[in-house]
Amino acid sequence: MIKIENVRKSYGAKDNQTEVLKGISLDIEDGDFAVILGPSGSGKSTLLNVASGLERPNSGTVMYDRENIAELSDKQLTEFRRKNIGFIFQQY
């Protein structure tokens, strides 16, 4: 199960920050099929990057089977991705 709660992610310096994810919450149960749709620039890729552990949220939790991956060390996160996450890139 993937449980994303109140995730926020922004980019830029303090004086010029752009908030991309503004309190996103999402539950995906094991065996579910999910589609993320939206216009260009709406935060789809950022959400996927945060959900997969490629990027850390500024706040909120990203839970995989009751483990908050946002709190893992870089080494633990690399191991988690190696064992649990697969990527298919649209452009390579």
PDB file of N, CA and C in Angstrom:
ATOM      1  N   MET A   1       0.836  -1.186   0.000  1.00  0.00           N
ATOM      2  CA  MET A   1       0.000   0.000   0.000  1.00  0.00           C
ATOM      3  C   MET A   1       0.881   1.249   0.000  1.00  0.00           C
ATOM      4  N   ILE A   2       0.479   2.218  -0.775  1.00  0.00           N
ATOM      5  CA  ILE A   2       1.142   3.520  -0.801  1.00  0.00           C
ATOM      6  C   ILE A   2       0.168   4.531  -0.203  1.00  0.00           C
ATOM      7  N   LYS A   3       0.633   5.258   0.791  1.00  0.00           N
ATOM      8  CA  LYS A   3      -0.202   6.275   1.420  1.00  0.00           C
ATOM      9  C   LYS A   3       0.589   7.578   1.461  1.00  0.00           C
ATOM     10  N   ILE A   4       0.114   8.547   0.717  1.00  0.00           N
ATOM     11  CA  ILE A   4       0.738   9.867   0.654  1.00  0.00           C
ATOM     12  C   ILE A   4      -0.173  10.824   1.404  1.00  0.00           C
ATOM     13  N   GLU A   5       0.378  11.500   2.401  1.00  0.00           N
ATOM     14  CA  GLU A   5      -0.440  12.390   3.229  1.00  0.00           C
ATOM     15  C   GLU A   5       0.140  13.788   3.296  1.00  0.00           C
ATOM     16  N   ASN A   6      -0.655  14.754   2.868  1.00  0.00           N
ATOM     17  CA  ASN A   6      -0.361  16.175   2.984  1.00  0.00           C
ATOM     18  C   ASN A   6       1.061  16.517   2.499  1.00  0.00           C
ATOM     19  N   VAL A   7       1.445  15.977   1.359  1.00  0.00           N
ATOM     20  CA  VAL A   7       2.784  16.197   0.816  1.00  0.00           C
ATOM     21  C   VAL A   7       2.860  17.564   0.144  1.00  0.00           C
ATOM     22  N   ARG A   8       3.912  18.271   0.502  1.00  0.00           N
ATOM     23  CA  ARG A   8       4.206  19.567  -0.092  1.00  0.00           C
ATOM     24  C   ARG A   8       5.618  19.527  -0.649  1.00  0.00           C
ATOM     25  N   LYS A   9       5.781  20.121  -1.826  1.00  0.00           N
ATOM     26  CA  LYS A   9       7.097  20.192  -2.459  1.00  0.00           C
ATOM     27  C   LYS A   9       7.197  21.505  -3.200  1.00  0.00           C
ATOM     28  N   SER A  10       8.297  22.210  -2.955  1.00  0.00           N
ATOM     29  CA  SER A  10       8.521  23.475  -3.654  1.00  0.00           C
ATOM     30  C   SER A  10       9.955  23.511  -4.160  1.00  0.00           C
ATOM     31  N   TYR A  11      10.182  24.376  -5.122  1.00  0.00           N
ATOM     32  CA  TYR A  11      11.496  24.567  -5.721  1.00  0.00           C
ATOM     33  C   TYR A  11      11.849  26.035  -5.671  1.00  0.00           C
ATOM     34  N   GLY A  12      13.136  26.318  -5.666  1.00  0.00           N
ATOM     35  CA  GLY A  12      13.604  27.696  -5.708  1.00  0.00           C
ATOM     36  C   GLY A  12      14.104  28.169  -4.364  1.00  0.00           C
ATOM     37  N   ALA A  13      14.671  29.370  -4.384  1.00  0.00           N
ATOM     38  CA  ALA A  13      15.194  29.992  -3.177  1.00  0.00           C
ATOM     39  C   ALA A  13      14.042  30.544  -2.342  1.00  0.00           C
ATOM     40  N   LYS A  14      14.317  30.836  -1.097  1.00  0.00           N
ATOM     41  CA  LYS A  14      13.281  31.328  -0.186  1.00  0.00           C
ATOM     42  C   LYS A  14      12.550  32.546  -0.730  1.00  0.00           C
ATOM     43  N   ASP A  15      13.289  33.425  -1.388  1.00  0.00           N
ATOM     44  CA  ASP A  15      12.680  34.648  -1.920  1.00  0.00           C
ATOM     45  C   ASP A  15      11.816  34.394  -3.144  1.00  0.00           C
ATOM     46  N   ASN A  16      12.084  33.286  -3.830  1.00  0.00           N
ATOM     47  CA  ASN A  16      11.394  33.025  -5.087  1.00  0.00           C
ATOM     48  C   ASN A  16      11.013  31.546  -5.188  1.00  0.00           C
ATOM     49  N   GLN A  17      10.219  31.063  -4.242  1.00  0.00           N
ATOM     50  CA  GLN A  17       9.815  29.659  -4.234  1.00  0.00           C
ATOM     51  C   GLN A  17       8.534  29.445  -5.027  1.00  0.00           C
ATOM     52  N   THR A  18       8.508  28.316  -5.713  1.00  0.00           N
ATOM     53  CA  THR A  18       7.294  27.891  -6.414  1.00  0.00           C
ATOM     54  C   THR A  18       6.835  26.593  -5.774  1.00  0.00           C
ATOM     55  N   GLU A  19       5.652  26.615  -5.184  1.00  0.00           N
ATOM     56  CA  GLU A  19       5.095  25.419  -4.560  1.00  0.00           C
ATOM     57  C   GLU A  19       4.415  24.590  -5.640  1.00  0.00           C
ATOM     58  N   VAL A  20       4.909  23.384  -5.862  1.00  0.00           N
ATOM     59  CA  VAL A  20       4.409  22.518  -6.921  1.00  0.00           C
ATOM     60  C   VAL A  20       3.347  21.572  -6.368  1.00  0.00           C
ATOM     61  N   LEU A  21       3.631  20.935  -5.256  1.00  0.00           N
ATOM     62  CA  LEU A  21       2.656  20.061  -4.599  1.00  0.00           C
ATOM     63  C   LEU A  21       2.155  20.777  -3.353  1.00  0.00           C
ATOM     64  N   LYS A  22       0.849  20.930  -3.265  1.00  0.00           N
ATOM     65  CA  LYS A  22       0.252  21.760  -2.219  1.00  0.00           C
ATOM     66  C   LYS A  22      -0.665  20.929  -1.335  1.00  0.00           C
ATOM     67  N   GLY A  23      -0.079  20.042  -0.549  1.00  0.00           N
ATOM     68  CA  GLY A  23      -0.870  19.251   0.387  1.00  0.00           C
ATOM     69  C   GLY A  23      -1.566  18.069  -0.268  1.00  0.00           C
ATOM     70  N   ILE A  24      -0.858  17.342  -1.114  1.00  0.00           N
ATOM     71  CA  ILE A  24      -1.424  16.200  -1.840  1.00  0.00           C
ATOM     72  C   ILE A  24      -1.582  15.004  -0.900  1.00  0.00           C
ATOM     73  N   SER A  25      -2.736  14.361  -0.959  1.00  0.00           N
ATOM     74  CA  SER A  25      -2.980  13.110  -0.231  1.00  0.00           C
ATOM     75  C   SER A  25      -3.549  12.088  -1.206  1.00  0.00           C
ATOM     76  N   LEU A  26      -3.079  10.836  -1.069  1.00  0.00           N
ATOM     77  CA  LEU A  26      -3.452   9.794  -2.009  1.00  0.00           C
ATOM     78  C   LEU A  26      -3.208   8.436  -1.372  1.00  0.00           C
ATOM     79  N   ASP A  27      -4.151   7.520  -1.530  1.00  0.00           N
ATOM     80  CA  ASP A  27      -3.990   6.136  -1.078  1.00  0.00           C
ATOM     81  C   ASP A  27      -4.107   5.219  -2.283  1.00  0.00           C
ATOM     82  N   ILE A  28      -3.146   4.315  -2.420  1.00  0.00           N
ATOM     83  CA  ILE A  28      -3.202   3.301  -3.469  1.00  0.00           C
ATOM     84  C   ILE A  28      -3.011   1.952  -2.798  1.00  0.00           C
ATOM     85  N   GLU A  29      -4.036   1.134  -2.852  1.00  0.00           N
ATOM     86  CA  GLU A  29      -3.998  -0.185  -2.226  1.00  0.00           C
ATOM     87  C   GLU A  29      -3.227  -1.166  -3.103  1.00  0.00           C
ATOM     88  N   ASP A  30      -2.679  -2.212  -2.500  1.00  0.00           N
ATOM     89  CA  ASP A  30      -2.029  -3.268  -3.268  1.00  0.00           C
ATOM     90  C   ASP A  30      -2.991  -3.803  -4.315  1.00  0.00           C
ATOM     91  N   GLY A  31      -2.515  -3.964  -5.529  1.00  0.00           N
ATOM     92  CA  GLY A  31      -3.342  -4.481  -6.618  1.00  0.00           C
ATOM     93  C   GLY A  31      -4.132  -3.429  -7.363  1.00  0.00           C
ATOM     94  N   ASP A  32      -4.162  -2.188  -6.853  1.00  0.00           N
ATOM     95  CA  ASP A  32      -4.862  -1.106  -7.543  1.00  0.00           C
ATOM     96  C   ASP A  32      -4.085  -0.675  -8.784  1.00  0.00           C
ATOM     97  N   PHE A  33      -4.803  -0.106  -9.724  1.00  0.00           N
ATOM     98  CA  PHE A  33      -4.227   0.489 -10.925  1.00  0.00           C
ATOM     99  C   PHE A  33      -4.568   1.966 -10.856  1.00  0.00           C
ATOM    100  N   ALA A  34      -3.562   2.830 -10.878  1.00  0.00           N
ATOM    101  CA  ALA A  34      -3.798   4.267 -10.734  1.00  0.00           C
ATOM    102  C   ALA A  34      -3.248   5.013 -11.940  1.00  0.00           C
ATOM    103  N   VAL A  35      -3.930   6.068 -12.332  1.00  0.00           N
ATOM    104  CA  VAL A  35      -3.510   6.933 -13.424  1.00  0.00           C
ATOM    105  C   VAL A  35      -3.428   8.353 -12.871  1.00  0.00           C
ATOM    106  N   ILE A  36      -2.352   9.041 -13.196  1.00  0.00           N
ATOM    107  CA  ILE A  36      -2.193  10.437 -12.777  1.00  0.00           C
ATOM    108  C   ILE A  36      -2.259  11.294 -14.026  1.00  0.00           C
ATOM    109  N   LEU A  37      -3.282  12.113 -14.103  1.00  0.00           N
ATOM    110  CA  LEU A  37      -3.519  12.960 -15.273  1.00  0.00           C
ATOM    111  C   LEU A  37      -3.481  14.429 -14.883  1.00  0.00           C
ATOM    112  N   GLY A  38      -3.097  15.267 -15.809  1.00  0.00           N
ATOM    113  CA  GLY A  38      -3.139  16.699 -15.575  1.00  0.00           C
ATOM    114  C   GLY A  38      -2.379  17.414 -16.665  1.00  0.00           C
ATOM    115  N   PRO A  39      -2.603  18.697 -16.760  1.00  0.00           N
ATOM    116  CA  PRO A  39      -1.910  19.481 -17.792  1.00  0.00           C
ATOM    117  C   PRO A  39      -0.421  19.609 -17.481  1.00  0.00           C
ATOM    118  N   SER A  40       0.320  19.990 -18.490  1.00  0.00           N
ATOM    119  CA  SER A  40       1.749  20.225 -18.328  1.00  0.00           C
ATOM    120  C   SER A  40       1.983  21.227 -17.204  1.00  0.00           C
ATOM    121  N   GLY A  41       2.932  20.908 -16.332  1.00  0.00           N
ATOM    122  CA  GLY A  41       3.251  21.822 -15.236  1.00  0.00           C
ATOM    123  C   GLY A  41       2.395  21.672 -14.001  1.00  0.00           C
ATOM    124  N   SER A  42       1.521  20.667 -13.975  1.00  0.00           N
ATOM    125  CA  SER A  42       0.619  20.524 -12.827  1.00  0.00           C
ATOM    126  C   SER A  42       1.222  19.750 -11.663  1.00  0.00           C
ATOM    127  N   GLY A  43       2.416  19.154 -11.841  1.00  0.00           N
ATOM    128  CA  GLY A  43       3.074  18.465 -10.737  1.00  0.00           C
ATOM    129  C   GLY A  43       3.054  16.948 -10.819  1.00  0.00           C
ATOM    130  N   LYS A  44       2.654  16.393 -11.948  1.00  0.00           N
ATOM    131  CA  LYS A  44       2.574  14.928 -12.090  1.00  0.00           C
ATOM    132  C   LYS A  44       3.939  14.277 -11.886  1.00  0.00           C
ATOM    133  N   SER A  45       4.938  14.756 -12.585  1.00  0.00           N
ATOM    134  CA  SER A  45       6.280  14.176 -12.462  1.00  0.00           C
ATOM    135  C   SER A  45       6.849  14.381 -11.070  1.00  0.00           C
ATOM    136  N   THR A  46       6.617  15.534 -10.498  1.00  0.00           N
ATOM    137  CA  THR A  46       7.084  15.792  -9.134  1.00  0.00           C
ATOM    138  C   THR A  46       6.421  14.826  -8.157  1.00  0.00           C
ATOM    139  N   LEU A  47       5.129  14.596  -8.307  1.00  0.00           N
ATOM    140  CA  LEU A  47       4.438  13.646  -7.437  1.00  0.00           C
ATOM    141  C   LEU A  47       5.034  12.246  -7.571  1.00  0.00           C
ATOM    142  N   LEU A  48       5.277  11.816  -8.802  1.00  0.00           N
ATOM    143  CA  LEU A  48       5.866  10.490  -9.016  1.00  0.00           C
ATOM    144  C   LEU A  48       7.280  10.418  -8.451  1.00  0.00           C
ATOM    145  N   ASN A  49       8.049  11.475  -8.606  1.00  0.00           N
ATOM    146  CA  ASN A  49       9.406  11.496  -8.055  1.00  0.00           C
ATOM    147  C   ASN A  49       9.393  11.416  -6.532  1.00  0.00           C
ATOM    148  N   VAL A  50       8.480  12.115  -5.906  1.00  0.00           N
ATOM    149  CA  VAL A  50       8.364  12.072  -4.444  1.00  0.00           C
ATOM    150  C   VAL A  50       7.841  10.702  -3.994  1.00  0.00           C
ATOM    151  N   ALA A  51       6.845  10.187  -4.681  1.00  0.00           N
ATOM    152  CA  ALA A  51       6.266   8.896  -4.313  1.00  0.00           C
ATOM    153  C   ALA A  51       7.261   7.754  -4.452  1.00  0.00           C
ATOM    154  N   SER A  52       8.194   7.892  -5.386  1.00  0.00           N
ATOM    155  CA  SER A  52       9.171   6.824  -5.621  1.00  0.00           C
ATOM    156  C   SER A  52      10.451   7.004  -4.819  1.00  0.00           C
ATOM    157  N   GLY A  53      10.582   8.112  -4.133  1.00  0.00           N
ATOM    158  CA  GLY A  53      11.778   8.346  -3.337  1.00  0.00           C
ATOM    159  C   GLY A  53      12.919   8.991  -4.096  1.00  0.00           C
ATOM    160  N   LEU A  54      12.693   9.402  -5.338  1.00  0.00           N
ATOM    161  CA  LEU A  54      13.738  10.114  -6.076  1.00  0.00           C
ATOM    162  C   LEU A  54      13.946  11.524  -5.532  1.00  0.00           C
ATOM    163  N   GLU A  55      12.874  12.118  -5.020  1.00  0.00           N
ATOM    164  CA  GLU A  55      12.940  13.440  -4.394  1.00  0.00           C
ATOM    165  C   GLU A  55      12.263  13.356  -3.037  1.00  0.00           C
ATOM    166  N   ARG A  56      12.711  14.193  -2.127  1.00  0.00           N
ATOM    167  CA  ARG A  56      12.093  14.245  -0.794  1.00  0.00           C
ATOM    168  C   ARG A  56      11.066  15.378  -0.751  1.00  0.00           C
ATOM    169  N   PRO A  57       9.958  15.150  -0.088  1.00  0.00           N
ATOM    170  CA  PRO A  57       8.982  16.237   0.062  1.00  0.00           C
ATOM    171  C   PRO A  57       9.503  17.276   1.052  1.00  0.00           C
ATOM    172  N   ASN A  58       9.013  18.499   0.943  1.00  0.00           N
ATOM    173  CA  ASN A  58       9.336  19.507   1.949  1.00  0.00           C
ATOM    174  C   ASN A  58       8.626  19.197   3.262  1.00  0.00           C
ATOM    175  N   SER A  59       7.436  18.614   3.139  1.00  0.00           N
ATOM    176  CA  SER A  59       6.702  18.177   4.327  1.00  0.00           C
ATOM    177  C   SER A  59       5.699  17.105   3.909  1.00  0.00           C
ATOM    178  N   GLY A  60       5.151  16.430   4.887  1.00  0.00           N
ATOM    179  CA  GLY A  60       4.193  15.360   4.636  1.00  0.00           C
ATOM    180  C   GLY A  60       4.865  13.998   4.717  1.00  0.00           C
ATOM    181  N   THR A  61       4.068  12.951   4.508  1.00  0.00           N
ATOM    182  CA  THR A  61       4.584  11.590   4.610  1.00  0.00           C
ATOM    183  C   THR A  61       4.301  10.806   3.335  1.00  0.00           C
ATOM    184  N   VAL A  62       5.230   9.914   3.026  1.00  0.00           N
ATOM    185  CA  VAL A  62       5.091   8.980   1.913  1.00  0.00           C
ATOM    186  C   VAL A  62       5.307   7.596   2.515  1.00  0.00           C
ATOM    187  N   MET A  63       4.221   6.867   2.704  1.00  0.00           N
ATOM    188  CA  MET A  63       4.264   5.588   3.400  1.00  0.00           C
ATOM    189  C   MET A  63       4.150   4.424   2.417  1.00  0.00           C
ATOM    190  N   TYR A  64       5.035   3.446   2.605  1.00  0.00           N
ATOM    191  CA  TYR A  64       4.948   2.163   1.906  1.00  0.00           C
ATOM    192  C   TYR A  64       4.842   1.105   2.991  1.00  0.00           C
ATOM    193  N   ASP A  65       3.682   0.465   3.059  1.00  0.00           N
ATOM    194  CA  ASP A  65       3.475  -0.576   4.073  1.00  0.00           C
ATOM    195  C   ASP A  65       3.942  -0.117   5.452  1.00  0.00           C
ATOM    196  N   ARG A  66       3.449   1.021   5.885  1.00  0.00           N
ATOM    197  CA  ARG A  66       3.681   1.581   7.216  1.00  0.00           C
ATOM    198  C   ARG A  66       5.110   2.074   7.462  1.00  0.00           C
ATOM    199  N   GLU A  67       5.908   2.274   6.407  1.00  0.00           N
ATOM    200  CA  GLU A  67       7.246   2.832   6.546  1.00  0.00           C
ATOM    201  C   GLU A  67       7.301   4.159   5.809  1.00  0.00           C
ATOM    202  N   ASN A  68       7.658   5.215   6.526  1.00  0.00           N
ATOM    203  CA  ASN A  68       7.731   6.545   5.932  1.00  0.00           C
ATOM    204  C   ASN A  68       9.067   6.688   5.207  1.00  0.00           C
ATOM    205  N   ILE A  69       9.040   6.569   3.875  1.00  0.00           N
ATOM    206  CA  ILE A  69      10.294   6.614   3.120  1.00  0.00           C
ATOM    207  C   ILE A  69      10.909   8.009   3.121  1.00  0.00           C
ATOM    208  N   ALA A  70      10.135   9.028   3.437  1.00  0.00           N
ATOM    209  CA  ALA A  70      10.666  10.389   3.486  1.00  0.00           C
ATOM    210  C   ALA A  70      11.656  10.545   4.639  1.00  0.00           C
ATOM    211  N   GLU A  71      11.640   9.625   5.594  1.00  0.00           N
ATOM    212  CA  GLU A  71      12.540   9.702   6.749  1.00  0.00           C
ATOM    213  C   GLU A  71      13.764   8.795   6.604  1.00  0.00           C
ATOM    214  N   LEU A  72      13.875   8.043   5.513  1.00  0.00           N
ATOM    215  CA  LEU A  72      15.001   7.139   5.331  1.00  0.00           C
ATOM    216  C   LEU A  72      16.266   7.905   4.971  1.00  0.00           C
ATOM    217  N   SER A  73      17.406   7.368   5.348  1.00  0.00           N
ATOM    218  CA  SER A  73      18.681   7.953   4.931  1.00  0.00           C
ATOM    219  C   SER A  73      18.841   7.726   3.426  1.00  0.00           C
ATOM    220  N   ASP A  74      19.798   8.404   2.828  1.00  0.00           N
ATOM    221  CA  ASP A  74      20.041   8.227   1.389  1.00  0.00           C
ATOM    222  C   ASP A  74      20.369   6.768   1.068  1.00  0.00           C
ATOM    223  N   LYS A  75      21.188   6.141   1.900  1.00  0.00           N
ATOM    224  CA  LYS A  75      21.561   4.747   1.674  1.00  0.00           C
ATOM    225  C   LYS A  75      20.346   3.829   1.795  1.00  0.00           C
ATOM    226  N   GLN A  76      19.521   4.047   2.825  1.00  0.00           N
ATOM    227  CA  GLN A  76      18.308   3.241   3.008  1.00  0.00           C
ATOM    228  C   GLN A  76      17.338   3.455   1.857  1.00  0.00           C
ATOM    229  N   LEU A  77      17.231   4.686   1.397  1.00  0.00           N
ATOM    230  CA  LEU A  77      16.323   5.013   0.301  1.00  0.00           C
ATOM    231  C   LEU A  77      16.779   4.348  -0.994  1.00  0.00           C
ATOM    232  N   THR A  78      18.071   4.323  -1.240  1.00  0.00           N
ATOM    233  CA  THR A  78      18.599   3.634  -2.415  1.00  0.00           C
ATOM    234  C   THR A  78      18.269   2.152  -2.358  1.00  0.00           C
ATOM    235  N   GLU A  79      18.441   1.546  -1.212  1.00  0.00           N
ATOM    236  CA  GLU A  79      18.120   0.128  -1.038  1.00  0.00           C
ATOM    237  C   GLU A  79      16.624  -0.129  -1.216  1.00  0.00           C
ATOM    238  N   PHE A  80      15.803   0.761  -0.664  1.00  0.00           N
ATOM    239  CA  PHE A  80      14.351   0.639  -0.813  1.00  0.00           C
ATOM    240  C   PHE A  80      13.959   0.669  -2.288  1.00  0.00           C
ATOM    241  N   ARG A  81      14.487   1.648  -3.033  1.00  0.00           N
ATOM    242  CA  ARG A  81      14.156   1.763  -4.457  1.00  0.00           C
ATOM    243  C   ARG A  81      14.626   0.533  -5.232  1.00  0.00           C
ATOM    244  N   ARG A  82      15.818   0.051  -4.905  1.00  0.00           N
ATOM    245  CA  ARG A  82      16.363  -1.115  -5.597  1.00  0.00           C
ATOM    246  C   ARG A  82      15.458  -2.335  -5.426  1.00  0.00           C
ATOM    247  N   LYS A  83      14.875  -2.473  -4.258  1.00  0.00           N
ATOM    248  CA  LYS A  83      14.046  -3.649  -3.965  1.00  0.00           C
ATOM    249  C   LYS A  83      12.577  -3.481  -4.344  1.00  0.00           C
ATOM    250  N   ASN A  84      12.078  -2.243  -4.390  1.00  0.00           N
ATOM    251  CA  ASN A  84      10.627  -2.042  -4.463  1.00  0.00           C
ATOM    252  C   ASN A  84      10.095  -1.231  -5.631  1.00  0.00           C
ATOM    253  N   ILE A  85      10.943  -0.451  -6.286  1.00  0.00           N
ATOM    254  CA  ILE A  85      10.449   0.504  -7.280  1.00  0.00           C
ATOM    255  C   ILE A  85      11.000   0.163  -8.662  1.00  0.00           C
ATOM    256  N   GLY A  86      10.162   0.259  -9.679  1.00  0.00           N
ATOM    257  CA  GLY A  86      10.586   0.106 -11.068  1.00  0.00           C
ATOM    258  C   GLY A  86      10.229   1.363 -11.838  1.00  0.00           C
ATOM    259  N   PHE A  87      11.079   1.746 -12.747  1.00  0.00           N
ATOM    260  CA  PHE A  87      10.854   2.968 -13.525  1.00  0.00           C
ATOM    261  C   PHE A  87      10.786   2.637 -15.008  1.00  0.00           C
ATOM    262  N   ILE A  88       9.835   3.222 -15.682  1.00  0.00           N
ATOM    263  CA  ILE A  88       9.776   3.197 -17.139  1.00  0.00           C
ATOM    264  C   ILE A  88       9.695   4.659 -17.553  1.00  0.00           C
ATOM    265  N   PHE A  89      10.765   5.154 -18.153  1.00  0.00           N
ATOM    266  CA  PHE A  89      10.823   6.557 -18.502  1.00  0.00           C
ATOM    267  C   PHE A  89      10.172   6.809 -19.851  1.00  0.00           C
ATOM    268  N   GLN A  90       9.437   7.909 -19.939  1.00  0.00           N
ATOM    269  CA  GLN A  90       8.754   8.270 -21.166  1.00  0.00           C
ATOM    270  C   GLN A  90       9.759   8.628 -22.264  1.00  0.00           C
ATOM    271  N   GLN A  91      10.778   9.359 -21.886  1.00  0.00           N
ATOM    272  CA  GLN A  91      11.814   9.750 -22.832  1.00  0.00           C
ATOM    273  C   GLN A  91      13.153   9.349 -22.254  1.00  0.00           C
ATOM    274  N   TYR A  92      13.997   8.763 -23.053  1.00  0.00           N
ATOM    275  CA  TYR A  92      15.315   8.336 -22.576  1.00  0.00           C
ATOM    276  C   TYR A  92      16.376   8.608 -23.617  1.00  0.00           C
TER     277      TYR A  92
END
